[in-house]
């Protein structure tokens, strides 16, 4: 069964999107695999202290993305394929880069300056990895 034990109580954005992101991250990391039983909407609602309709909205989005299958009156299951793992990873990366870009723009940084900074940090990080050092 998929666990919400590690769900971050604080976070950015509406709770239903954070639930979707949490499941996507599990799919991308391989901790949510095909056929895993999803907890009921009521269980997630009680665990997270949110309205059941909020969980329903998140589950509906997961179904629309193809990451979950539900049958009326029956249990829900994760639906994970190689394609859905790749899509989840790509979406998570794009969201993360989007947050970084927004933060850099808010700080007044120009695109060329931001790209130079990212390139420098990317190269420094690669050097640390090659040398076996922690960044």
C-alpha atoms as a PDB file:
ATOM      1  CA  UNK A   1       0.000   0.000   0.000  1.00  0.00           C
ATOM      2  CA  UNK A   2       1.222   3.487  -0.843  1.00  0.00           C
ATOM      3  CA  UNK A   3       2.135   5.324   2.351  1.00  0.00           C
ATOM      4  CA  UNK A   4       1.611   8.986   3.045  1.00  0.00           C
ATOM      5  CA  UNK A   5       3.777   8.782   6.170  1.00  0.00           C
ATOM      6  CA  UNK A   6       6.493  10.967   4.602  1.00  0.00           C
ATOM      7  CA  UNK A   7       4.098  13.543   3.194  1.00  0.00           C
ATOM      8  CA  UNK A   8       5.426  17.053   3.877  1.00  0.00           C
ATOM      9  CA  UNK A   9       2.828  18.970   5.882  1.00  0.00           C
ATOM     10  CA  UNK A  10       4.277  22.299   4.800  1.00  0.00           C
ATOM     11  CA  UNK A  11       4.735  23.056   1.157  1.00  0.00           C
ATOM     12  CA  UNK A  12       4.115  25.254  -1.807  1.00  0.00           C
ATOM     13  CA  UNK A  13       0.763  25.331  -3.543  1.00  0.00           C
ATOM     14  CA  UNK A  14      -2.659  23.854  -2.903  1.00  0.00           C
ATOM     15  CA  UNK A  15      -2.775  20.597  -0.945  1.00  0.00           C
ATOM     16  CA  UNK A  16      -4.348  18.623  -3.808  1.00  0.00           C
ATOM     17  CA  UNK A  17      -1.409  19.526  -6.060  1.00  0.00           C
ATOM     18  CA  UNK A  18       1.024  18.597  -3.293  1.00  0.00           C
ATOM     19  CA  UNK A  19      -0.654  15.177  -3.062  1.00  0.00           C
ATOM     20  CA  UNK A  20      -0.301  14.721  -6.832  1.00  0.00           C
ATOM     21  CA  UNK A  21       3.356  15.838  -6.664  1.00  0.00           C
ATOM     22  CA  UNK A  22       3.999  13.430  -3.769  1.00  0.00           C
ATOM     23  CA  UNK A  23       2.677  10.459  -5.776  1.00  0.00           C
ATOM     24  CA  UNK A  24       4.542  11.594  -8.918  1.00  0.00           C
ATOM     25  CA  UNK A  25       7.749  11.777  -6.886  1.00  0.00           C
ATOM     26  CA  UNK A  26       7.110   8.256  -5.585  1.00  0.00           C
ATOM     27  CA  UNK A  27       6.608   7.017  -9.142  1.00  0.00           C
ATOM     28  CA  UNK A  28       9.769   8.791 -10.316  1.00  0.00           C
ATOM     29  CA  UNK A  29      11.789   7.401  -7.392  1.00  0.00           C
ATOM     30  CA  UNK A  30      10.413   3.879  -7.753  1.00  0.00           C
ATOM     31  CA  UNK A  31       8.788   3.799  -4.308  1.00  0.00           C
ATOM     32  CA  UNK A  32       5.336   3.698  -5.926  1.00  0.00           C
ATOM     33  CA  UNK A  33       5.179   0.810  -8.376  1.00  0.00           C
ATOM     34  CA  UNK A  34       2.583  -0.666 -10.663  1.00  0.00           C
ATOM     35  CA  UNK A  35      -0.214  -2.364  -8.773  1.00  0.00           C
ATOM     36  CA  UNK A  36       0.465  -0.736  -5.398  1.00  0.00           C
ATOM     37  CA  UNK A  37      -2.797  -0.223  -3.565  1.00  0.00           C
ATOM     38  CA  UNK A  38      -3.671   3.402  -2.947  1.00  0.00           C
ATOM     39  CA  UNK A  39      -5.169   4.256   0.434  1.00  0.00           C
ATOM     40  CA  UNK A  40      -8.830   5.226   0.335  1.00  0.00           C
ATOM     41  CA  UNK A  41      -9.729   8.853  -0.014  1.00  0.00           C
ATOM     42  CA  UNK A  42     -11.067   8.827   3.550  1.00  0.00           C
ATOM     43  CA  UNK A  43      -7.834   7.373   4.937  1.00  0.00           C
ATOM     44  CA  UNK A  44      -5.712   9.987   3.149  1.00  0.00           C
ATOM     45  CA  UNK A  45      -8.124  12.698   4.283  1.00  0.00           C
ATOM     46  CA  UNK A  46      -7.815  11.605   7.921  1.00  0.00           C
ATOM     47  CA  UNK A  47      -4.038  11.101   7.698  1.00  0.00           C
ATOM     48  CA  UNK A  48      -3.401  14.552   6.237  1.00  0.00           C
ATOM     49  CA  UNK A  49      -6.230  16.345   8.014  1.00  0.00           C
ATOM     50  CA  UNK A  50      -7.809  17.610   4.808  1.00  0.00           C
ATOM     51  CA  UNK A  51     -11.270  17.536   3.276  1.00  0.00           C
ATOM     52  CA  UNK A  52     -12.086  14.269   1.424  1.00  0.00           C
ATOM     53  CA  UNK A  53     -13.035  16.343  -1.639  1.00  0.00           C
ATOM     54  CA  UNK A  54      -9.449  17.627  -1.734  1.00  0.00           C
ATOM     55  CA  UNK A  55      -8.137  14.069  -1.893  1.00  0.00           C
ATOM     56  CA  UNK A  56     -10.787  13.216  -4.495  1.00  0.00           C
ATOM     57  CA  UNK A  57      -9.546  16.084  -6.677  1.00  0.00           C
ATOM     58  CA  UNK A  58      -5.928  14.856  -6.387  1.00  0.00           C
ATOM     59  CA  UNK A  59      -6.916  11.256  -7.143  1.00  0.00           C
ATOM     60  CA  UNK A  60      -8.929  12.400 -10.175  1.00  0.00           C
ATOM     61  CA  UNK A  61      -5.856  14.231 -11.495  1.00  0.00           C
ATOM     62  CA  UNK A  62      -3.715  11.127 -10.933  1.00  0.00           C
ATOM     63  CA  UNK A  63      -6.281   9.075 -12.858  1.00  0.00           C
ATOM     64  CA  UNK A  64      -6.261  11.602 -15.711  1.00  0.00           C
ATOM     65  CA  UNK A  65      -2.454  11.364 -15.836  1.00  0.00           C
ATOM     66  CA  UNK A  66      -2.716   7.583 -15.956  1.00  0.00           C
ATOM     67  CA  UNK A  67      -0.841   7.117 -12.670  1.00  0.00           C
ATOM     68  CA  UNK A  68      -3.824   5.602 -10.873  1.00  0.00           C
ATOM     69  CA  UNK A  69      -6.754   3.351 -11.692  1.00  0.00           C
ATOM     70  CA  UNK A  70      -9.995   3.408  -9.709  1.00  0.00           C
ATOM     71  CA  UNK A  71     -13.182   1.448 -10.029  1.00  0.00           C
ATOM     72  CA  UNK A  72     -16.399   2.637  -8.445  1.00  0.00           C
ATOM     73  CA  UNK A  73     -16.838   1.010  -5.054  1.00  0.00           C
ATOM     74  CA  UNK A  74     -13.502  -0.799  -5.334  1.00  0.00           C
ATOM     75  CA  UNK A  75      -9.925  -0.152  -4.339  1.00  0.00           C
ATOM     76  CA  UNK A  76      -7.621   2.143  -6.303  1.00  0.00           C
ATOM     77  CA  UNK A  77      -4.209   1.089  -7.566  1.00  0.00           C
ATOM     78  CA  UNK A  78      -1.100   2.764  -8.920  1.00  0.00           C
ATOM     79  CA  UNK A  79      -0.734   2.377 -12.660  1.00  0.00           C
ATOM     80  CA  UNK A  80       2.947   2.700 -13.466  1.00  0.00           C
ATOM     81  CA  UNK A  81       4.636   2.066 -16.806  1.00  0.00           C
ATOM     82  CA  UNK A  82       8.052   2.999 -18.168  1.00  0.00           C
ATOM     83  CA  UNK A  83       6.355   5.868 -19.993  1.00  0.00           C
ATOM     84  CA  UNK A  84       4.605   7.148 -16.862  1.00  0.00           C
ATOM     85  CA  UNK A  85       7.870   7.008 -14.892  1.00  0.00           C
ATOM     86  CA  UNK A  86       9.617   9.037 -17.610  1.00  0.00           C
ATOM     87  CA  UNK A  87       6.704  11.501 -17.753  1.00  0.00           C
ATOM     88  CA  UNK A  88       6.639  11.886 -13.946  1.00  0.00           C
ATOM     89  CA  UNK A  89      10.382  12.549 -13.869  1.00  0.00           C
ATOM     90  CA  UNK A  90      10.152  15.084 -16.709  1.00  0.00           C
ATOM     91  CA  UNK A  91       7.245  16.884 -15.065  1.00  0.00           C
ATOM     92  CA  UNK A  92       8.966  17.035 -11.669  1.00  0.00           C
ATOM     93  CA  UNK A  93      12.162  18.367 -13.256  1.00  0.00           C
ATOM     94  CA  UNK A  94      10.240  21.024 -15.193  1.00  0.00           C
ATOM     95  CA  UNK A  95       8.410  22.112 -12.028  1.00  0.00           C
ATOM     96  CA  UNK A  96      11.668  22.358 -10.083  1.00  0.00           C
ATOM     97  CA  UNK A  97      13.419  24.320 -12.835  1.00  0.00           C
ATOM     98  CA  UNK A  98      10.361  26.564 -13.059  1.00  0.00           C
ATOM     99  CA  UNK A  99      10.652  27.371  -9.340  1.00  0.00           C
ATOM    100  CA  UNK A 100      14.354  28.184  -9.749  1.00  0.00           C
ATOM    101  CA  UNK A 101      13.699  30.393 -12.781  1.00  0.00           C
ATOM    102  CA  UNK A 102      10.943  32.250 -10.911  1.00  0.00           C
ATOM    103  CA  UNK A 103      13.224  32.813  -7.923  1.00  0.00           C
ATOM    104  CA  UNK A 104      16.042  34.104 -10.129  1.00  0.00           C
ATOM    105  CA  UNK A 105      13.666  36.460 -11.960  1.00  0.00           C
ATOM    106  CA  UNK A 106      12.287  37.778  -8.669  1.00  0.00           C
ATOM    107  CA  UNK A 107      15.858  38.491  -7.578  1.00  0.00           C
ATOM    108  CA  UNK A 108      16.295  40.692 -10.657  1.00  0.00           C
ATOM    109  CA  UNK A 109      18.707  38.389 -12.470  1.00  0.00           C
ATOM    110  CA  UNK A 110      18.855  38.532 -16.249  1.00  0.00           C
ATOM    111  CA  UNK A 111      18.646  35.350 -18.339  1.00  0.00           C
ATOM    112  CA  UNK A 112      22.289  35.439 -19.506  1.00  0.00           C
ATOM    113  CA  UNK A 113      23.508  35.973 -15.944  1.00  0.00           C
ATOM    114  CA  UNK A 114      21.294  33.130 -14.676  1.00  0.00           C
ATOM    115  CA  UNK A 115      22.529  30.745 -17.371  1.00  0.00           C
ATOM    116  CA  UNK A 116      26.147  31.606 -16.541  1.00  0.00           C
ATOM    117  CA  UNK A 117      25.503  30.985 -12.844  1.00  0.00           C
ATOM    118  CA  UNK A 118      23.788  27.653 -13.527  1.00  0.00           C
ATOM    119  CA  UNK A 119      26.608  26.594 -15.852  1.00  0.00           C
ATOM    120  CA  UNK A 120      29.256  27.467 -13.256  1.00  0.00           C
ATOM    121  CA  UNK A 121      27.452  25.628 -10.448  1.00  0.00           C
ATOM    122  CA  UNK A 122      26.799  22.651 -12.747  1.00  0.00           C
ATOM    123  CA  UNK A 123      30.519  22.413 -13.541  1.00  0.00           C
ATOM    124  CA  UNK A 124      31.555  22.848  -9.892  1.00  0.00           C
ATOM    125  CA  UNK A 125      29.133  20.133  -8.850  1.00  0.00           C
ATOM    126  CA  UNK A 126      30.515  17.788 -11.530  1.00  0.00           C
ATOM    127  CA  UNK A 127      34.050  18.426 -10.277  1.00  0.00           C
ATOM    128  CA  UNK A 128      32.983  17.547  -6.717  1.00  0.00           C
ATOM    129  CA  UNK A 129      31.344  14.333  -7.931  1.00  0.00           C
ATOM    130  CA  UNK A 130      34.410  13.313  -9.920  1.00  0.00           C
ATOM    131  CA  UNK A 131      36.651  13.991  -6.948  1.00  0.00           C
ATOM    132  CA  UNK A 132      34.336  12.064  -4.627  1.00  0.00           C
ATOM    133  CA  UNK A 133      33.750  15.141  -2.486  1.00  0.00           C
ATOM    134  CA  UNK A 134      30.423  16.314  -1.139  1.00  0.00           C
ATOM    135  CA  UNK A 135      29.277  19.580  -2.755  1.00  0.00           C
END
